[in-house]
PDB file of N, CA and C in Angstrom:
ATOM      1  N   MET A   1     117.643   0.851 140.633  1.00  0.00           N
ATOM      2  CA  MET A   1     116.627   1.886 140.618  1.00  0.00           C
ATOM      3  C   MET A   1     115.519   1.514 141.606  1.00  0.00           C
ATOM      4  N   PRO A   2     115.160   2.390 142.517  1.00  0.00           N
ATOM      5  CA  PRO A   2     114.127   2.081 143.499  1.00  0.00           C
ATOM      6  C   PRO A   2     112.771   1.881 142.837  1.00  0.00           C
ATOM      7  N   LYS A   3     112.004   0.993 143.426  1.00  0.00           N
ATOM      8  CA  LYS A   3     110.682   0.678 142.903  1.00  0.00           C
ATOM      9  C   LYS A   3     109.647   1.623 143.482  1.00  0.00           C
ATOM     10  N   LYS A   4     108.586   1.834 142.731  1.00  0.00           N
ATOM     11  CA  LYS A   4     107.478   2.664 143.199  1.00  0.00           C
ATOM     12  C   LYS A   4     106.694   1.902 144.265  1.00  0.00           C
ATOM     13  N   GLN A   5     106.044   2.653 145.142  1.00  0.00           N
ATOM     14  CA  GLN A   5     105.217   2.073 146.197  1.00  0.00           C
ATOM     15  C   GLN A   5     103.850   1.705 145.613  1.00  0.00           C
ATOM     16  N   VAL A   6     103.386   0.481 145.868  1.00  0.00           N
ATOM     17  CA  VAL A   6     102.055   0.069 145.422  1.00  0.00           C
ATOM     18  C   VAL A   6     101.027   0.777 146.299  1.00  0.00           C
ATOM     19  N   PRO A   7     100.077   1.461 145.700  1.00  0.00           N
ATOM     20  CA  PRO A   7      99.092   2.189 146.508  1.00  0.00           C
ATOM     21  C   PRO A   7      98.110   1.250 147.203  1.00  0.00           C
ATOM     22  N   LYS A   8      97.396   1.774 148.185  1.00  0.00           N
ATOM     23  CA  LYS A   8      96.316   1.044 148.850  1.00  0.00           C
ATOM     24  C   LYS A   8      95.071   1.203 147.979  1.00  0.00           C
ATOM     25  N   PHE A   9      94.310   0.148 147.847  1.00  0.00           N
ATOM     26  CA  PHE A   9      93.131   0.171 146.990  1.00  0.00           C
ATOM     27  C   PHE A   9      91.867   0.067 147.836  1.00  0.00           C
ATOM     28  N   LYS A  10      90.829   0.767 147.395  1.00  0.00           N
ATOM     29  CA  LYS A  10      89.547   0.746 148.102  1.00  0.00           C
ATOM     30  C   LYS A  10      88.715  -0.470 147.723  1.00  0.00           C
ATOM     31  N   SER A  11      89.011  -1.030 146.549  1.00  0.00           N
ATOM     32  CA  SER A  11      88.234  -2.184 146.086  1.00  0.00           C
ATOM     33  C   SER A  11      89.082  -3.018 145.127  1.00  0.00           C
ATOM     34  N   GLU A  12      88.623  -4.216 144.881  1.00  0.00           N
ATOM     35  CA  GLU A  12      89.309  -5.081 143.923  1.00  0.00           C
ATOM     36  C   GLU A  12      89.201  -4.490 142.519  1.00  0.00           C
ATOM     37  N   ALA A  13      88.076  -3.882 142.219  1.00  0.00           N
ATOM     38  CA  ALA A  13      87.892  -3.258 140.905  1.00  0.00           C
ATOM     39  C   ALA A  13      88.900  -2.133 140.692  1.00  0.00           C
ATOM     40  N   GLU A  14      89.139  -1.336 141.736  1.00  0.00           N
ATOM     41  CA  GLU A  14      90.120  -0.251 141.640  1.00  0.00           C
ATOM     42  C   GLU A  14      91.516  -0.825 141.406  1.00  0.00           C
ATOM     43  N   GLU A  15      91.826  -1.920 142.087  1.00  0.00           N
ATOM     44  CA  GLU A  15      93.132  -2.561 141.900  1.00  0.00           C
ATOM     45  C   GLU A  15      93.267  -3.118 140.486  1.00  0.00           C
ATOM     46  N   GLN A  16      92.212  -3.726 139.977  1.00  0.00           N
ATOM     47  CA  GLN A  16      92.246  -4.252 138.614  1.00  0.00           C
ATOM     48  C   GLN A  16      92.493  -3.145 137.597  1.00  0.00           C
ATOM     49  N   GLU A  17      91.826  -2.023 137.775  1.00  0.00           N
ATOM     50  CA  GLU A  17      92.029  -0.878 136.869  1.00  0.00           C
ATOM     51  C   GLU A  17      93.476  -0.385 136.931  1.00  0.00           C
ATOM     52  N   PHE A  18      94.023  -0.334 138.139  1.00  0.00           N
ATOM     53  CA  PHE A  18      95.394   0.119 138.326  1.00  0.00           C
ATOM     54  C   PHE A  18      96.370  -0.782 137.566  1.00  0.00           C
ATOM     55  N   TRP A  19      96.268  -2.111 137.777  1.00  0.00           N
ATOM     56  CA  TRP A  19      97.212  -3.028 137.151  1.00  0.00           C
ATOM     57  C   TRP A  19      96.976  -3.161 135.648  1.00  0.00           C
ATOM     58  N   ALA A  20      95.791  -2.814 135.179  1.00  0.00           N
ATOM     59  CA  ALA A  20      95.528  -2.845 133.741  1.00  0.00           C
ATOM     60  C   ALA A  20      96.301  -1.747 133.010  1.00  0.00           C
ATOM     61  N   ARG A  21      96.610  -0.655 133.715  1.00  0.00           N
ATOM     62  CA  ARG A  21      97.317   0.448 133.055  1.00  0.00           C
ATOM     63  C   ARG A  21      98.777   0.584 133.491  1.00  0.00           C
ATOM     64  N   GLU A  22      99.174  -0.066 134.582  1.00  0.00           N
ATOM     65  CA  GLU A  22     100.537   0.046 135.098  1.00  0.00           C
ATOM     66  C   GLU A  22     101.351  -1.203 134.767  1.00  0.00           C
ATOM     67  N   ASP A  23     102.656  -1.054 134.714  1.00  0.00           N
ATOM     68  CA  ASP A  23     103.570  -2.169 134.482  1.00  0.00           C
ATOM     69  C   ASP A  23     104.132  -2.614 135.824  1.00  0.00           C
ATOM     70  N   THR A  24     104.019  -3.891 136.131  1.00  0.00           N
ATOM     71  CA  THR A  24     104.500  -4.393 137.425  1.00  0.00           C
ATOM     72  C   THR A  24     105.999  -4.213 137.595  1.00  0.00           C
ATOM     73  N   VAL A  25     106.738  -4.102 136.507  1.00  0.00           N
ATOM     74  CA  VAL A  25     108.194  -3.936 136.583  1.00  0.00           C
ATOM     75  C   VAL A  25     108.566  -2.673 137.368  1.00  0.00           C
ATOM     76  N   ASP A  26     107.692  -1.671 137.310  1.00  0.00           N
ATOM     77  CA  ASP A  26     107.952  -0.430 138.040  1.00  0.00           C
ATOM     78  C   ASP A  26     107.722  -0.587 139.550  1.00  0.00           C
ATOM     79  N   TYR A  27     107.041  -1.654 139.947  1.00  0.00           N
ATOM     80  CA  TYR A  27     106.647  -1.830 141.341  1.00  0.00           C
ATOM     81  C   TYR A  27     107.232  -3.075 142.015  1.00  0.00           C
ATOM     82  N   VAL A  28     107.623  -4.051 141.229  1.00  0.00           N
ATOM     83  CA  VAL A  28     108.060  -5.335 141.785  1.00  0.00           C
ATOM     84  C   VAL A  28     109.443  -5.697 141.250  1.00  0.00           C
ATOM     85  N   ASP A  29     110.318  -6.144 142.141  1.00  0.00           N
ATOM     86  CA  ASP A  29     111.637  -6.647 141.738  1.00  0.00           C
ATOM     87  C   ASP A  29     111.481  -8.137 141.438  1.00  0.00           C
ATOM     88  N   TRP A  30     111.189  -8.445 140.182  1.00  0.00           N
ATOM     89  CA  TRP A  30     110.897  -9.824 139.799  1.00  0.00           C
ATOM     90  C   TRP A  30     112.112 -10.743 139.918  1.00  0.00           C
ATOM     91  N   SER A  31     113.322 -10.191 140.020  1.00  0.00           N
ATOM     92  CA  SER A  31     114.505 -11.045 140.182  1.00  0.00           C
ATOM     93  C   SER A  31     114.507 -11.729 141.552  1.00  0.00           C
ATOM     94  N   ARG A  32     113.716 -11.202 142.476  1.00  0.00           N
ATOM     95  CA  ARG A  32     113.638 -11.786 143.820  1.00  0.00           C
ATOM     96  C   ARG A  32     112.410 -12.671 143.991  1.00  0.00           C
ATOM     97  N   ALA A  33     111.620 -12.814 142.939  1.00  0.00           N
ATOM     98  CA  ALA A  33     110.392 -13.614 143.024  1.00  0.00           C
ATOM     99  C   ALA A  33     110.719 -15.094 143.160  1.00  0.00           C
ATOM    100  N   LYS A  34     109.867 -15.807 143.861  1.00  0.00           N
ATOM    101  CA  LYS A  34     110.027 -17.251 144.051  1.00  0.00           C
ATOM    102  C   LYS A  34     108.785 -17.963 143.540  1.00  0.00           C
ATOM    103  N   GLN A  35     109.002 -19.148 142.990  1.00  0.00           N
ATOM    104  CA  GLN A  35     107.895 -19.984 142.520  1.00  0.00           C
ATOM    105  C   GLN A  35     107.187 -20.584 143.734  1.00  0.00           C
ATOM    106  N   VAL A  36     105.872 -20.500 143.758  1.00  0.00           N
ATOM    107  CA  VAL A  36     105.091 -21.114 144.829  1.00  0.00           C
ATOM    108  C   VAL A  36     103.955 -21.924 144.217  1.00  0.00           C
ATOM    109  N   THR A  37     103.466 -22.870 144.966  1.00  0.00           N
ATOM    110  CA  THR A  37     102.312 -23.646 144.537  1.00  0.00           C
ATOM    111  C   THR A  37     101.263 -23.591 145.634  1.00  0.00           C
ATOM    112  N   PHE A  38     100.035 -23.679 145.220  1.00  0.00           N
ATOM    113  CA  PHE A  38      98.908 -23.697 146.139  1.00  0.00           C
ATOM    114  C   PHE A  38      98.154 -25.005 145.899  1.00  0.00           C
ATOM    115  N   PRO A  39      98.568 -26.088 146.546  1.00  0.00           N
ATOM    116  CA  PRO A  39      98.016 -27.407 146.228  1.00  0.00           C
ATOM    117  C   PRO A  39      96.526 -27.550 146.533  1.00  0.00           C
ATOM    118  N   ASN A  40      95.994 -26.785 147.445  1.00  0.00           N
ATOM    119  CA  ASN A  40      94.589 -26.938 147.801  1.00  0.00           C
ATOM    120  C   ASN A  40      93.680 -25.918 147.128  1.00  0.00           C
ATOM    121  N   LEU A  41      94.228 -25.146 146.214  1.00  0.00           N
ATOM    122  CA  LEU A  41      93.456 -24.120 145.526  1.00  0.00           C
ATOM    123  C   LEU A  41      92.745 -24.744 144.333  1.00  0.00           C
ATOM    124  N   LYS A  42      91.435 -24.614 144.320  1.00  0.00           N
ATOM    125  CA  LYS A  42      90.656 -25.158 143.210  1.00  0.00           C
ATOM    126  C   LYS A  42      90.431 -24.051 142.183  1.00  0.00           C
ATOM    127  N   PRO A  43      90.542 -24.390 140.893  1.00  0.00           N
ATOM    128  CA  PRO A  43      90.304 -23.372 139.879  1.00  0.00           C
ATOM    129  C   PRO A  43      88.840 -22.936 139.891  1.00  0.00           C
ATOM    130  N   SER A  44      88.611 -21.705 139.529  1.00  0.00           N
ATOM    131  CA  SER A  44      87.239 -21.203 139.435  1.00  0.00           C
ATOM    132  C   SER A  44      86.497 -21.966 138.349  1.00  0.00           C
ATOM    133  N   THR A  45      85.233 -22.207 138.589  1.00  0.00           N
ATOM    134  CA  THR A  45      84.416 -22.861 137.571  1.00  0.00           C
ATOM    135  C   THR A  45      83.186 -22.009 137.319  1.00  0.00           C
ATOM    136  N   LYS A  46      82.633 -22.199 136.156  1.00  0.00           N
ATOM    137  CA  LYS A  46      81.419 -21.476 135.789  1.00  0.00           C
ATOM    138  C   LYS A  46      80.439 -22.487 135.223  1.00  0.00           C
ATOM    139  N   THR A  47      79.211 -22.414 135.674  1.00  0.00           N
ATOM    140  CA  THR A  47      78.176 -23.309 135.187  1.00  0.00           C
ATOM    141  C   THR A  47      77.720 -22.846 133.814  1.00  0.00           C
ATOM    142  N   ILE A  48      77.631 -23.804 132.892  1.00  0.00           N
ATOM    143  CA  ILE A  48      77.126 -23.508 131.555  1.00  0.00           C
ATOM    144  C   ILE A  48      76.012 -24.495 131.235  1.00  0.00           C
ATOM    145  N   SER A  49      75.276 -24.179 130.220  1.00  0.00           N
ATOM    146  CA  SER A  49      74.236 -25.074 129.733  1.00  0.00           C
ATOM    147  C   SER A  49      74.613 -25.457 128.313  1.00  0.00           C
ATOM    148  N   ILE A  50      74.572 -26.737 128.029  1.00  0.00           N
ATOM    149  CA  ILE A  50      74.917 -27.202 126.686  1.00  0.00           C
ATOM    150  C   ILE A  50      73.914 -28.271 126.269  1.00  0.00           C
ATOM    151  N   ARG A  51      73.448 -28.178 125.076  1.00  0.00           N
ATOM    152  CA  ARG A  51      72.496 -29.161 124.562  1.00  0.00           C
ATOM    153  C   ARG A  51      73.275 -30.219 123.784  1.00  0.00           C
ATOM    154  N   LEU A  52      73.049 -31.480 124.156  1.00  0.00           N
ATOM    155  CA  LEU A  52      73.688 -32.603 123.489  1.00  0.00           C
ATOM    156  C   LEU A  52      72.619 -33.572 123.020  1.00  0.00           C
ATOM    157  N   PRO A  53      72.867 -34.258 121.923  1.00  0.00           N
ATOM    158  CA  PRO A  53      71.939 -35.313 121.539  1.00  0.00           C
ATOM    159  C   PRO A  53      71.874 -36.367 122.660  1.00  0.00           C
ATOM    160  N   GLU A  54      70.672 -36.883 122.923  1.00  0.00           N
ATOM    161  CA  GLU A  54      70.521 -37.849 124.016  1.00  0.00           C
ATOM    162  C   GLU A  54      71.439 -39.047 123.848  1.00  0.00           C
ATOM    163  N   SER A  55      71.613 -39.502 122.613  1.00  0.00           N
ATOM    164  CA  SER A  55      72.468 -40.669 122.379  1.00  0.00           C
ATOM    165  C   SER A  55      73.924 -40.383 122.777  1.00  0.00           C
ATOM    166  N   LEU A  56      74.387 -39.164 122.489  1.00  0.00           N
ATOM    167  CA  LEU A  56      75.757 -38.784 122.867  1.00  0.00           C
ATOM    168  C   LEU A  56      75.897 -38.730 124.385  1.00  0.00           C
ATOM    169  N   LEU A  57      74.907 -38.149 125.042  1.00  0.00           N
ATOM    170  CA  LEU A  57      74.934 -38.066 126.493  1.00  0.00           C
ATOM    171  C   LEU A  57      74.873 -39.457 127.116  1.00  0.00           C
ATOM    172  N   ASP A  58      74.051 -40.336 126.550  1.00  0.00           N
ATOM    173  CA  ASP A  58      73.960 -41.714 127.062  1.00  0.00           C
ATOM    174  C   ASP A  58      75.304 -42.436 126.925  1.00  0.00           C
ATOM    175  N   GLU A  59      75.958 -42.238 125.788  1.00  0.00           N
ATOM    176  CA  GLU A  59      77.269 -42.874 125.585  1.00  0.00           C
ATOM    177  C   GLU A  59      78.304 -42.323 126.551  1.00  0.00           C
ATOM    178  N   LEU A  60      78.265 -41.017 126.769  1.00  0.00           N
ATOM    179  CA  LEU A  60      79.185 -40.383 127.716  1.00  0.00           C
ATOM    180  C   LEU A  60      78.960 -40.929 129.123  1.00  0.00           C
ATOM    181  N   LYS A  61      77.714 -41.018 129.535  1.00  0.00           N
ATOM    182  CA  LYS A  61      77.398 -41.548 130.870  1.00  0.00           C
ATOM    183  C   LYS A  61      77.819 -43.000 131.005  1.00  0.00           C
ATOM    184  N   SER A  62      77.613 -43.782 129.963  1.00  0.00           N
ATOM    185  CA  SER A  62      78.012 -45.193 129.993  1.00  0.00           C
ATOM    186  C   SER A  62      79.531 -45.329 130.135  1.00  0.00           C
ATOM    187  N   LEU A  63      80.264 -44.559 129.358  1.00  0.00           N
ATOM    188  CA  LEU A  63      81.728 -44.596 129.425  1.00  0.00           C
ATOM    189  C   LEU A  63      82.219 -44.115 130.787  1.00  0.00           C
ATOM    190  N   ALA A  64      81.611 -43.064 131.298  1.00  0.00           N
ATOM    191  CA  ALA A  64      81.993 -42.536 132.610  1.00  0.00           C
ATOM    192  C   ALA A  64      81.731 -43.586 133.686  1.00  0.00           C
ATOM    193  N   ASN A  65      80.626 -44.288 133.573  1.00  0.00           N
ATOM    194  CA  ASN A  65      80.304 -45.336 134.538  1.00  0.00           C
ATOM    195  C   ASN A  65      81.356 -46.444 134.508  1.00  0.00           C
ATOM    196  N   LYS A  66      81.794 -46.827 133.317  1.00  0.00           N
ATOM    197  CA  LYS A  66      82.828 -47.862 133.177  1.00  0.00           C
ATOM    198  C   LYS A  66      84.147 -47.407 133.799  1.00  0.00           C
ATOM    199  N   ARG A  67      84.412 -46.094 133.740  1.00  0.00           N
ATOM    200  CA  ARG A  67      85.653 -45.545 134.310  1.00  0.00           C
ATOM    201  C   ARG A  67      85.476 -45.110 135.763  1.00  0.00           C
ATOM    202  N   ASP A  68      84.258 -45.250 136.262  1.00  0.00           N
ATOM    203  CA  ASP A  68      83.922 -44.904 137.642  1.00  0.00           C
ATOM    204  C   ASP A  68      84.217 -43.440 137.965  1.00  0.00           C
ATOM    205  N   VAL A  69      83.793 -42.564 137.049  1.00  0.00           N
ATOM    206  CA  VAL A  69      83.909 -41.113 137.254  1.00  0.00           C
ATOM    207  C   VAL A  69      82.579 -40.468 136.878  1.00  0.00           C
ATOM    208  N   PRO A  70      82.256 -39.327 137.443  1.00  0.00           N
ATOM    209  CA  PRO A  70      81.047 -38.613 137.015  1.00  0.00           C
ATOM    210  C   PRO A  70      81.164 -38.197 135.550  1.00  0.00           C
ATOM    211  N   TYR A  71      80.036 -38.238 134.847  1.00  0.00           N
ATOM    212  CA  TYR A  71      80.105 -37.932 133.415  1.00  0.00           C
ATOM    213  C   TYR A  71      80.534 -36.487 133.151  1.00  0.00           C
ATOM    214  N   GLN A  72      80.193 -35.556 134.064  1.00  0.00           N
ATOM    215  CA  GLN A  72      80.623 -34.177 133.870  1.00  0.00           C
ATOM    216  C   GLN A  72      82.147 -34.079 133.949  1.00  0.00           C
ATOM    217  N   SER A  73      82.748 -34.831 134.857  1.00  0.00           N
ATOM    218  CA  SER A  73      84.215 -34.837 134.984  1.00  0.00           C
ATOM    219  C   SER A  73      84.861 -35.415 133.738  1.00  0.00           C
ATOM    220  N   LEU A  74      84.285 -36.489 133.223  1.00  0.00           N
ATOM    221  CA  LEU A  74      84.828 -37.092 132.011  1.00  0.00           C
ATOM    222  C   LEU A  74      84.720 -36.125 130.833  1.00  0.00           C
ATOM    223  N   LEU A  75      83.612 -35.424 130.748  1.00  0.00           N
ATOM    224  CA  LEU A  75      83.454 -34.441 129.684  1.00  0.00           C
ATOM    225  C   LEU A  75      84.501 -33.336 129.795  1.00  0.00           C
ATOM    226  N   LYS A  76      84.789 -32.869 131.011  1.00  0.00           N
ATOM    227  CA  LYS A  76      85.828 -31.840 131.207  1.00  0.00           C
ATOM    228  C   LYS A  76      87.197 -32.365 130.785  1.00  0.00           C
ATOM    229  N   ILE A  77      87.467 -33.624 131.099  1.00  0.00           N
ATOM    230  CA  ILE A  77      88.745 -34.227 130.695  1.00  0.00           C
ATOM    231  C   ILE A  77      88.854 -34.262 129.170  1.00  0.00           C
ATOM    232  N   PHE A  78      87.781 -34.723 128.521  1.00  0.00           N
ATOM    233  CA  PHE A  78      87.786 -34.799 127.062  1.00  0.00           C
ATOM    234  C   PHE A  78      87.972 -33.411 126.440  1.00  0.00           C
ATOM    235  N   LEU A  79      87.277 -32.424 126.969  1.00  0.00           N
ATOM    236  CA  LEU A  79      87.407 -31.064 126.440  1.00  0.00           C
ATOM    237  C   LEU A  79      88.817 -30.515 126.633  1.00  0.00           C
ATOM    238  N   ALA A  80      89.382 -30.734 127.808  1.00  0.00           N
ATOM    239  CA  ALA A  80      90.733 -30.238 128.087  1.00  0.00           C
ATOM    240  C   ALA A  80      91.758 -30.904 127.173  1.00  0.00           C
ATOM    241  N   GLU A  81      91.628 -32.221 126.968  1.00  0.00           N
ATOM    242  CA  GLU A  81      92.563 -32.937 126.096  1.00  0.00           C
ATOM    243  C   GLU A  81      92.470 -32.430 124.658  1.00  0.00           C
ATOM    244  N   ARG A  82      91.252 -32.242 124.200  1.00  0.00           N
ATOM    245  CA  ARG A  82      91.072 -31.781 122.816  1.00  0.00           C
ATOM    246  C   ARG A  82      91.568 -30.353 122.641  1.00  0.00           C
ATOM    247  N   LEU A  83      91.304 -29.512 123.612  1.00  0.00           N
ATOM    248  CA  LEU A  83      91.778 -28.128 123.553  1.00  0.00           C
ATOM    249  C   LEU A  83      93.303 -28.089 123.487  1.00  0.00           C
ATOM    250  N   GLU A  84      93.953 -28.899 124.301  1.00  0.00           N
ATOM    251  CA  GLU A  84      95.418 -28.961 124.278  1.00  0.00           C
ATOM    252  C   GLU A  84      95.923 -29.406 122.913  1.00  0.00           C
ATOM    253  N   LEU A  85      95.272 -30.414 122.331  1.00  0.00           N
ATOM    254  CA  LEU A  85      95.649 -30.905 121.007  1.00  0.00           C
ATOM    255  C   LEU A  85      95.483 -29.817 119.947  1.00  0.00           C
ATOM    256  N   GLU A  86      94.370 -29.116 119.992  1.00  0.00           N
ATOM    257  CA  GLU A  86      94.116 -28.055 119.022  1.00  0.00           C
ATOM    258  C   GLU A  86      95.109 -26.906 119.184  1.00  0.00           C
ATOM    259  N   GLN A  87      95.454 -26.570 120.418  1.00  0.00           N
ATOM    260  CA  GLN A  87      96.417 -25.491 120.657  1.00  0.00           C
ATOM    261  C   GLN A  87      97.799 -25.870 120.131  1.00  0.00           C
ATOM    262  N   LYS A  88      98.163 -27.140 120.257  1.00  0.00           N
ATOM    263  CA  LYS A  88      99.447 -27.593 119.710  1.00  0.00           C
ATOM    264  C   LYS A  88      99.452 -27.481 118.193  1.00  0.00           C
ATOM    265  N   LYS A  89      98.343 -27.832 117.563  1.00  0.00           N
ATOM    266  CA  LYS A  89      98.235 -27.729 116.107  1.00  0.00           C
ATOM    267  C   LYS A  89      98.421 -26.285 115.652  1.00  0.00           C
ATOM    268  N   VAL A  90      97.776 -25.370 116.344  1.00  0.00           N
ATOM    269  CA  VAL A  90      97.844 -23.952 115.988  1.00  0.00           C
ATOM    270  C   VAL A  90      99.255 -23.424 116.171  1.00  0.00           C
ATOM    271  N   SER A  91      99.926 -23.831 117.250  1.00  0.00           N
ATOM    272  CA  SER A  91     101.274 -23.325 117.516  1.00  0.00           C
ATOM    273  C   SER A  91     102.304 -23.898 116.550  1.00  0.00           C
ATOM    274  N   MET A  92     102.003 -25.019 115.907  1.00  0.00           N
ATOM    275  CA  MET A  92     102.939 -25.623 114.946  1.00  0.00           C
ATOM    276  C   MET A  92     102.896 -24.928 113.589  1.00  0.00           C
ATOM    277  N   LYS A  93     101.826 -24.174 113.345  1.00  0.00           N
ATOM    278  CA  LYS A  93     101.685 -23.517 112.033  1.00  0.00           C
ATOM    279  C   LYS A  93     102.581 -22.324 111.911  1.00  0.00           C
TER     280      LYS A  93
END
């Protein structure tokens, strides 16, 4: 069955609205898709503000210093590890 033609979009917002209501199966032959990687692509980040007890922050900075990494990076690692653990717990239920 022939696929529909993807329209030209005037903006990214218009494209987002289109794909929110349309099914890609009608437009893309996924059997011909190939896996690709973008090794130099950095994930988007968003700055947040979080209040921590000074003692906790001091301990985090001390541990990060011992591991020779910035404390913000160490905090992201800890959060990612814990999130993965929690997601595994939820999926096991």
